[in-house]
Amino acid sequence: METVKCEICGMELPESEAYEVGDNSGVFVCDDCYEKECVKCDRCGDIMFDDEAHHTHYGNLCDCCYDDLFG
């Protein structure tokens, strides 16, 4: 079983139990840090850090979806 390290707290956990932030980025977070620090794009479903999301009246958007709608 392959393990990964949470980008935020440093906890090691099985890759199958981690959330990958971004699309094939290799950046993983544990469940607790996901709940506290991440959001899912309301358009495409990608996971991102909350401070990188565009918070709009359409919901939380990643850069790509934001550009598609407002670019």
C-alpha atoms as a PDB file:
ATOM      1  CA  MET A   1       0.000   0.000   0.000  1.00  0.00           C
ATOM      2  CA  GLU A   2       1.439   3.327  -1.047  1.00  0.00           C
ATOM      3  CA  THR A   3       1.438   6.153   1.491  1.00  0.00           C
ATOM      4  CA  VAL A   4       1.470   9.909   1.002  1.00  0.00           C
ATOM      5  CA  LYS A   5       2.107  12.828   3.307  1.00  0.00           C
ATOM      6  CA  CYS A   6      -0.522  15.503   3.979  1.00  0.00           C
ATOM      7  CA  GLU A   7       0.688  18.802   2.539  1.00  0.00           C
ATOM      8  CA  ILE A   8      -0.713  20.735   5.506  1.00  0.00           C
ATOM      9  CA  CYS A   9      -0.177  18.726   8.697  1.00  0.00           C
ATOM     10  CA  GLY A  10       2.454  16.233   7.524  1.00  0.00           C
ATOM     11  CA  MET A  11       0.534  13.121   8.580  1.00  0.00           C
ATOM     12  CA  GLU A  12       1.304   9.991   6.569  1.00  0.00           C
ATOM     13  CA  LEU A  13      -1.718   8.098   5.297  1.00  0.00           C
ATOM     14  CA  PRO A  14      -2.626   5.587   2.591  1.00  0.00           C
ATOM     15  CA  GLU A  15      -2.979   7.280  -0.789  1.00  0.00           C
ATOM     16  CA  SER A  16      -6.432   5.732  -1.155  1.00  0.00           C
ATOM     17  CA  GLU A  17      -7.616   7.688   1.924  1.00  0.00           C
ATOM     18  CA  ALA A  18      -6.135  11.054   0.886  1.00  0.00           C
ATOM     19  CA  TYR A  19      -7.613  13.863  -1.190  1.00  0.00           C
ATOM     20  CA  GLU A  20      -5.499  15.036  -4.138  1.00  0.00           C
ATOM     21  CA  VAL A  21      -5.529  18.806  -4.487  1.00  0.00           C
ATOM     22  CA  GLY A  22      -5.600  19.878  -8.142  1.00  0.00           C
ATOM     23  CA  ASP A  23      -5.605  17.693 -11.208  1.00  0.00           C
ATOM     24  CA  ASN A  24      -2.824  15.067 -10.955  1.00  0.00           C
ATOM     25  CA  SER A  25      -0.737  17.512  -8.914  1.00  0.00           C
ATOM     26  CA  GLY A  26       0.767  15.007  -6.491  1.00  0.00           C
ATOM     27  CA  VAL A  27      -0.332  17.246  -3.587  1.00  0.00           C
ATOM     28  CA  PHE A  28      -2.387  15.343  -1.013  1.00  0.00           C
ATOM     29  CA  VAL A  29      -4.278  16.284   2.150  1.00  0.00           C
ATOM     30  CA  CYS A  30      -5.828  14.197   4.920  1.00  0.00           C
ATOM     31  CA  ASP A  31      -9.543  14.229   5.725  1.00  0.00           C
ATOM     32  CA  ASP A  32      -9.226  16.719   8.608  1.00  0.00           C
ATOM     33  CA  CYS A  33      -7.192  19.215   6.565  1.00  0.00           C
ATOM     34  CA  TYR A  34      -9.525  18.771   3.588  1.00  0.00           C
ATOM     35  CA  GLU A  35     -12.482  19.762   5.771  1.00  0.00           C
ATOM     36  CA  LYS A  36     -10.642  22.808   7.182  1.00  0.00           C
ATOM     37  CA  GLU A  37      -8.581  24.078   4.243  1.00  0.00           C
ATOM     38  CA  CYS A  38     -10.060  22.879   0.938  1.00  0.00           C
ATOM     39  CA  VAL A  39     -13.134  23.302  -1.241  1.00  0.00           C
ATOM     40  CA  LYS A  40     -14.405  21.539  -4.325  1.00  0.00           C
ATOM     41  CA  CYS A  41     -15.070  23.491  -7.524  1.00  0.00           C
ATOM     42  CA  ASP A  42     -18.836  23.677  -7.887  1.00  0.00           C
ATOM     43  CA  ARG A  43     -18.526  23.408 -11.675  1.00  0.00           C
ATOM     44  CA  CYS A  44     -15.930  20.693 -12.419  1.00  0.00           C
ATOM     45  CA  GLY A  45     -15.370  19.049  -9.015  1.00  0.00           C
ATOM     46  CA  ASP A  46     -11.617  19.684  -8.746  1.00  0.00           C
ATOM     47  CA  ILE A  47     -10.325  20.062  -5.196  1.00  0.00           C
ATOM     48  CA  MET A  48      -8.386  23.235  -4.347  1.00  0.00           C
ATOM     49  CA  PHE A  49      -7.174  25.123  -1.315  1.00  0.00           C
ATOM     50  CA  ASP A  50      -9.867  27.534  -0.101  1.00  0.00           C
ATOM     51  CA  ASP A  51      -7.570  30.559  -0.418  1.00  0.00           C
ATOM     52  CA  GLU A  52      -7.000  29.731  -4.131  1.00  0.00           C
ATOM     53  CA  ALA A  53     -10.722  29.431  -4.989  1.00  0.00           C
ATOM     54  CA  HIS A  54     -12.784  32.120  -6.656  1.00  0.00           C
ATOM     55  CA  HIS A  55     -15.821  32.607  -4.425  1.00  0.00           C
ATOM     56  CA  THR A  56     -18.597  33.804  -6.760  1.00  0.00           C
ATOM     57  CA  HIS A  57     -22.371  33.805  -6.957  1.00  0.00           C
ATOM     58  CA  TYR A  58     -21.909  30.569  -8.997  1.00  0.00           C
ATOM     59  CA  GLY A  59     -20.189  29.009  -5.975  1.00  0.00           C
ATOM     60  CA  ASN A  60     -16.533  28.093  -5.508  1.00  0.00           C
ATOM     61  CA  LEU A  61     -14.681  27.988  -8.820  1.00  0.00           C
ATOM     62  CA  CYS A  62     -11.194  26.853  -9.823  1.00  0.00           C
ATOM     63  CA  ASP A  63      -9.104  29.093 -12.078  1.00  0.00           C
ATOM     64  CA  CYS A  64     -10.067  27.191 -15.231  1.00  0.00           C
ATOM     65  CA  CYS A  65     -13.832  27.347 -14.596  1.00  0.00           C
ATOM     66  CA  TYR A  66     -13.590  30.978 -13.508  1.00  0.00           C
ATOM     67  CA  ASP A  67     -11.809  31.838 -16.758  1.00  0.00           C
ATOM     68  CA  ASP A  68     -14.412  29.896 -18.781  1.00  0.00           C
ATOM     69  CA  LEU A  69     -17.239  31.902 -17.219  1.00  0.00           C
ATOM     70  CA  PHE A  70     -15.645  35.322 -16.806  1.00  0.00           C
ATOM     71  CA  GLY A  71     -12.486  35.268 -18.942  1.00  0.00           C
END
